[in-house]
Each structure stands twice: as structure tokens, then as C-alpha cells.
Amino acid sequence: MKSDYARKKYIEIAKEIGFNTAEMAKKAYADPPVSFNPVEPSVEDL
């Protein structure tokens, strides 16, 4: 399961690229396109 950070980041990016509801963004997150690969922050970044 991805972290909250990755989920929030995905929703943020999804809104920017044209998703106008959080529900659509969540649905896309549940089954993301192959071209989108959210990167989890490393320990050094936190």
C-alpha cells in the first residue's frame, strides 16, 4: 500500500492534468496509468 504522501501527491498531480474531482483522482490512483509512477520520498528527503 502506498503512503499518504504518494496518494496526496497523485491527487494533486491528477487535478493539475484535468481531473476535476477528488473522486476521479482517487479512482485513477487505484488503477494508475502505466506511464504514471509516483515516487515515494526517500528518508533523506523527509
PDB file of N, CA and C in Angstrom:
ATOM      1  N   MET A   1       0.845  -1.202   0.000  1.00  0.00           N
ATOM      2  CA  MET A   1       0.000   0.000   0.000  1.00  0.00           C
ATOM      3  C   MET A   1       0.876   1.245   0.000  1.00  0.00           C
ATOM      4  N   LYS A   2       0.529   2.182  -0.867  1.00  0.00           N
ATOM      5  CA  LYS A   2       1.337   3.393  -0.968  1.00  0.00           C
ATOM      6  C   LYS A   2       1.075   4.309   0.225  1.00  0.00           C
ATOM      7  N   SER A   3       2.041   5.153   0.513  1.00  0.00           N
ATOM      8  CA  SER A   3       1.928   6.066   1.647  1.00  0.00           C
ATOM      9  C   SER A   3       0.930   7.187   1.365  1.00  0.00           C
ATOM     10  N   ASP A   4       0.478   7.862   2.414  1.00  0.00           N
ATOM     11  CA  ASP A   4      -0.388   9.027   2.254  1.00  0.00           C
ATOM     12  C   ASP A   4       0.289  10.086   1.401  1.00  0.00           C
ATOM     13  N   TYR A   5       1.601  10.218   1.548  1.00  0.00           N
ATOM     14  CA  TYR A   5       2.326  11.208   0.753  1.00  0.00           C
ATOM     15  C   TYR A   5       2.128  10.947  -0.739  1.00  0.00           C
ATOM     16  N   ALA A   6       2.317   9.703  -1.142  1.00  0.00           N
ATOM     17  CA  ALA A   6       2.179   9.360  -2.561  1.00  0.00           C
ATOM     18  C   ALA A   6       0.738   9.554  -3.026  1.00  0.00           C
ATOM     19  N   ARG A   7      -0.231   9.182  -2.175  1.00  0.00           N
ATOM     20  CA  ARG A   7      -1.640   9.336  -2.536  1.00  0.00           C
ATOM     21  C   ARG A   7      -1.992  10.803  -2.725  1.00  0.00           C
ATOM     22  N   LYS A   8      -1.578  11.640  -1.777  1.00  0.00           N
ATOM     23  CA  LYS A   8      -1.868  13.071  -1.877  1.00  0.00           C
ATOM     24  C   LYS A   8      -1.184  13.688  -3.095  1.00  0.00           C
ATOM     25  N   LYS A   9       0.055  13.275  -3.334  1.00  0.00           N
ATOM     26  CA  LYS A   9       0.799  13.789  -4.475  1.00  0.00           C
ATOM     27  C   LYS A   9       0.117  13.394  -5.778  1.00  0.00           C
ATOM     28  N   TYR A  10      -0.356  12.160  -5.847  1.00  0.00           N
ATOM     29  CA  TYR A  10      -1.040  11.697  -7.046  1.00  0.00           C
ATOM     30  C   TYR A  10      -2.294  12.513  -7.299  1.00  0.00           C
ATOM     31  N   ILE A  11      -3.099  12.731  -6.243  1.00  0.00           N
ATOM     32  CA  ILE A  11      -4.328  13.504  -6.392  1.00  0.00           C
ATOM     33  C   ILE A  11      -4.011  14.928  -6.845  1.00  0.00           C
ATOM     34  N   GLU A  12      -2.966  15.513  -6.272  1.00  0.00           N
ATOM     35  CA  GLU A  12      -2.543  16.861  -6.637  1.00  0.00           C
ATOM     36  C   GLU A  12      -2.180  16.925  -8.123  1.00  0.00           C
ATOM     37  N   ILE A  13      -1.384  15.969  -8.575  1.00  0.00           N
ATOM     38  CA  ILE A  13      -0.981  15.923  -9.984  1.00  0.00           C
ATOM     39  C   ILE A  13      -2.189  15.627 -10.880  1.00  0.00           C
ATOM     40  N   ALA A  14      -3.037  14.706 -10.441  1.00  0.00           N
ATOM     41  CA  ALA A  14      -4.213  14.355 -11.234  1.00  0.00           C
ATOM     42  C   ALA A  14      -5.106  15.574 -11.454  1.00  0.00           C
ATOM     43  N   LYS A  15      -5.275  16.396 -10.420  1.00  0.00           N
ATOM     44  CA  LYS A  15      -6.075  17.616 -10.558  1.00  0.00           C
ATOM     45  C   LYS A  15      -5.438  18.550 -11.580  1.00  0.00           C
ATOM     46  N   GLU A  16      -4.123  18.679 -11.539  1.00  0.00           N
ATOM     47  CA  GLU A  16      -3.415  19.555 -12.465  1.00  0.00           C
ATOM     48  C   GLU A  16      -3.580  19.121 -13.915  1.00  0.00           C
ATOM     49  N   ILE A  17      -3.642  17.801 -14.145  1.00  0.00           N
ATOM     50  CA  ILE A  17      -3.743  17.331 -15.527  1.00  0.00           C
ATOM     51  C   ILE A  17      -5.176  17.151 -15.990  1.00  0.00           C
ATOM     52  N   GLY A  18      -6.132  17.593 -15.181  1.00  0.00           N
ATOM     53  CA  GLY A  18      -7.505  17.646 -15.668  1.00  0.00           C
ATOM     54  C   GLY A  18      -8.564  16.896 -14.891  1.00  0.00           C
ATOM     55  N   PHE A  19      -8.228  16.214 -13.833  1.00  0.00           N
ATOM     56  CA  PHE A  19      -9.280  15.618 -13.008  1.00  0.00           C
ATOM     57  C   PHE A  19      -9.890  16.741 -12.178  1.00  0.00           C
ATOM     58  N   ASN A  20     -11.210  16.897 -12.267  1.00  0.00           N
ATOM     59  CA  ASN A  20     -11.819  17.994 -11.522  1.00  0.00           C
ATOM     60  C   ASN A  20     -12.498  17.561 -10.239  1.00  0.00           C
ATOM     61  N   THR A  21     -12.466  16.280  -9.911  1.00  0.00           N
ATOM     62  CA  THR A  21     -13.000  15.861  -8.612  1.00  0.00           C
ATOM     63  C   THR A  21     -12.021  14.919  -7.922  1.00  0.00           C
ATOM     64  N   ALA A  22     -11.998  14.988  -6.623  1.00  0.00           N
ATOM     65  CA  ALA A  22     -11.129  14.102  -5.848  1.00  0.00           C
ATOM     66  C   ALA A  22     -11.506  12.642  -6.096  1.00  0.00           C
ATOM     67  N   GLU A  23     -12.787  12.386  -6.307  1.00  0.00           N
ATOM     68  CA  GLU A  23     -13.242  11.016  -6.533  1.00  0.00           C
ATOM     69  C   GLU A  23     -12.616  10.434  -7.799  1.00  0.00           C
ATOM     70  N   MET A  24     -12.564  11.227  -8.861  1.00  0.00           N
ATOM     71  CA  MET A  24     -11.935  10.770 -10.099  1.00  0.00           C
ATOM     72  C   MET A  24     -10.447  10.530  -9.883  1.00  0.00           C
ATOM     73  N   ALA A  25      -9.836  11.416  -9.121  1.00  0.00           N
ATOM     74  CA  ALA A  25      -8.407  11.264  -8.840  1.00  0.00           C
ATOM     75  C   ALA A  25      -8.145   9.991  -8.032  1.00  0.00           C
ATOM     76  N   LYS A  26      -9.017   9.728  -7.059  1.00  0.00           N
ATOM     77  CA  LYS A  26      -8.858   8.510  -6.260  1.00  0.00           C
ATOM     78  C   LYS A  26      -9.038   7.268  -7.130  1.00  0.00           C
ATOM     79  N   LYS A  27      -9.997   7.324  -8.044  1.00  0.00           N
ATOM     80  CA  LYS A  27     -10.230   6.184  -8.930  1.00  0.00           C
ATOM     81  C   LYS A  27      -9.001   5.951  -9.803  1.00  0.00           C
ATOM     82  N   ALA A  28      -8.423   7.026 -10.313  1.00  0.00           N
ATOM     83  CA  ALA A  28      -7.224   6.914 -11.137  1.00  0.00           C
ATOM     84  C   ALA A  28      -6.052   6.377 -10.315  1.00  0.00           C
ATOM     85  N   TYR A  29      -5.979   6.808  -9.052  1.00  0.00           N
ATOM     86  CA  TYR A  29      -4.908   6.330  -8.181  1.00  0.00           C
ATOM     87  C   TYR A  29      -5.031   4.830  -7.950  1.00  0.00           C
ATOM     88  N   ALA A  30      -6.261   4.364  -7.810  1.00  0.00           N
ATOM     89  CA  ALA A  30      -6.496   2.946  -7.566  1.00  0.00           C
ATOM     90  C   ALA A  30      -6.026   2.100  -8.761  1.00  0.00           C
ATOM     91  N   ASP A  31      -6.100   2.670  -9.957  1.00  0.00           N
ATOM     92  CA  ASP A  31      -5.683   1.951 -11.158  1.00  0.00           C
ATOM     93  C   ASP A  31      -4.928   2.923 -12.067  1.00  0.00           C
ATOM     94  N   PRO A  32      -3.704   3.318 -11.649  1.00  0.00           N
ATOM     95  CA  PRO A  32      -2.978   4.364 -12.361  1.00  0.00           C
ATOM     96  C   PRO A  32      -2.512   3.927 -13.740  1.00  0.00           C
ATOM     97  N   PRO A  33      -2.445   4.877 -14.668  1.00  0.00           N
ATOM     98  CA  PRO A  33      -1.890   4.554 -15.975  1.00  0.00           C
ATOM     99  C   PRO A  33      -0.433   4.102 -15.832  1.00  0.00           C
ATOM    100  N   VAL A  34       0.001   3.262 -16.727  1.00  0.00           N
ATOM    101  CA  VAL A  34       1.352   2.709 -16.650  1.00  0.00           C
ATOM    102  C   VAL A  34       2.400   3.819 -16.706  1.00  0.00           C
ATOM    103  N   SER A  35       2.095   4.895 -17.420  1.00  0.00           N
ATOM    104  CA  SER A  35       3.064   5.975 -17.582  1.00  0.00           C
ATOM    105  C   SER A  35       3.261   6.790 -16.306  1.00  0.00           C
ATOM    106  N   PHE A  36       2.343   6.658 -15.352  1.00  0.00           N
ATOM    107  CA  PHE A  36       2.483   7.428 -14.115  1.00  0.00           C
ATOM    108  C   PHE A  36       2.983   6.534 -12.999  1.00  0.00           C
ATOM    109  N   ASN A  37       4.108   6.931 -12.396  1.00  0.00           N
ATOM    110  CA  ASN A  37       4.698   6.128 -11.332  1.00  0.00           C
ATOM    111  C   ASN A  37       5.105   7.049 -10.191  1.00  0.00           C
ATOM    112  N   PRO A  38       4.200   7.270  -9.212  1.00  0.00           N
ATOM    113  CA  PRO A  38       4.540   8.170  -8.111  1.00  0.00           C
ATOM    114  C   PRO A  38       5.769   7.677  -7.350  1.00  0.00           C
ATOM    115  N   VAL A  39       6.647   8.583  -7.025  1.00  0.00           N
ATOM    116  CA  VAL A  39       7.885   8.220  -6.350  1.00  0.00           C
ATOM    117  C   VAL A  39       7.769   8.542  -4.869  1.00  0.00           C
ATOM    118  N   GLU A  40       7.977   7.570  -4.051  1.00  0.00           N
ATOM    119  CA  GLU A  40       7.930   7.785  -2.609  1.00  0.00           C
ATOM    120  C   GLU A  40       9.166   8.586  -2.186  1.00  0.00           C
ATOM    121  N   PRO A  41       9.003   9.502  -1.242  1.00  0.00           N
ATOM    122  CA  PRO A  41      10.167  10.264  -0.795  1.00  0.00           C
ATOM    123  C   PRO A  41      11.150   9.345  -0.060  1.00  0.00           C
ATOM    124  N   SER A  42      12.400   9.586  -0.252  1.00  0.00           N
ATOM    125  CA  SER A  42      13.393   8.796   0.466  1.00  0.00           C
ATOM    126  C   SER A  42      13.547   9.356   1.876  1.00  0.00           C
ATOM    127  N   VAL A  43      14.187   8.605   2.732  1.00  0.00           N
ATOM    128  CA  VAL A  43      14.378   9.049   4.113  1.00  0.00           C
ATOM    129  C   VAL A  43      15.124  10.389   4.150  1.00  0.00           C
ATOM    130  N   GLU A  44      16.060  10.572   3.235  1.00  0.00           N
ATOM    131  CA  GLU A  44      16.851  11.806   3.217  1.00  0.00           C
ATOM    132  C   GLU A  44      15.991  13.037   2.901  1.00  0.00           C
ATOM    133  N   ASP A  45      14.885  12.828   2.159  1.00  0.00           N
ATOM    134  CA  ASP A  45      14.038  13.957   1.764  1.00  0.00           C
ATOM    135  C   ASP A  45      13.106  14.410   2.882  1.00  0.00           C
ATOM    136  N   LEU A  46      12.884  13.561   3.874  1.00  0.00           N
ATOM    137  CA  LEU A  46      11.908  13.896   4.915  1.00  0.00           C
ATOM    138  C   LEU A  46      12.463  14.816   5.993  1.00  0.00           C
TER     139      LEU A  46
END
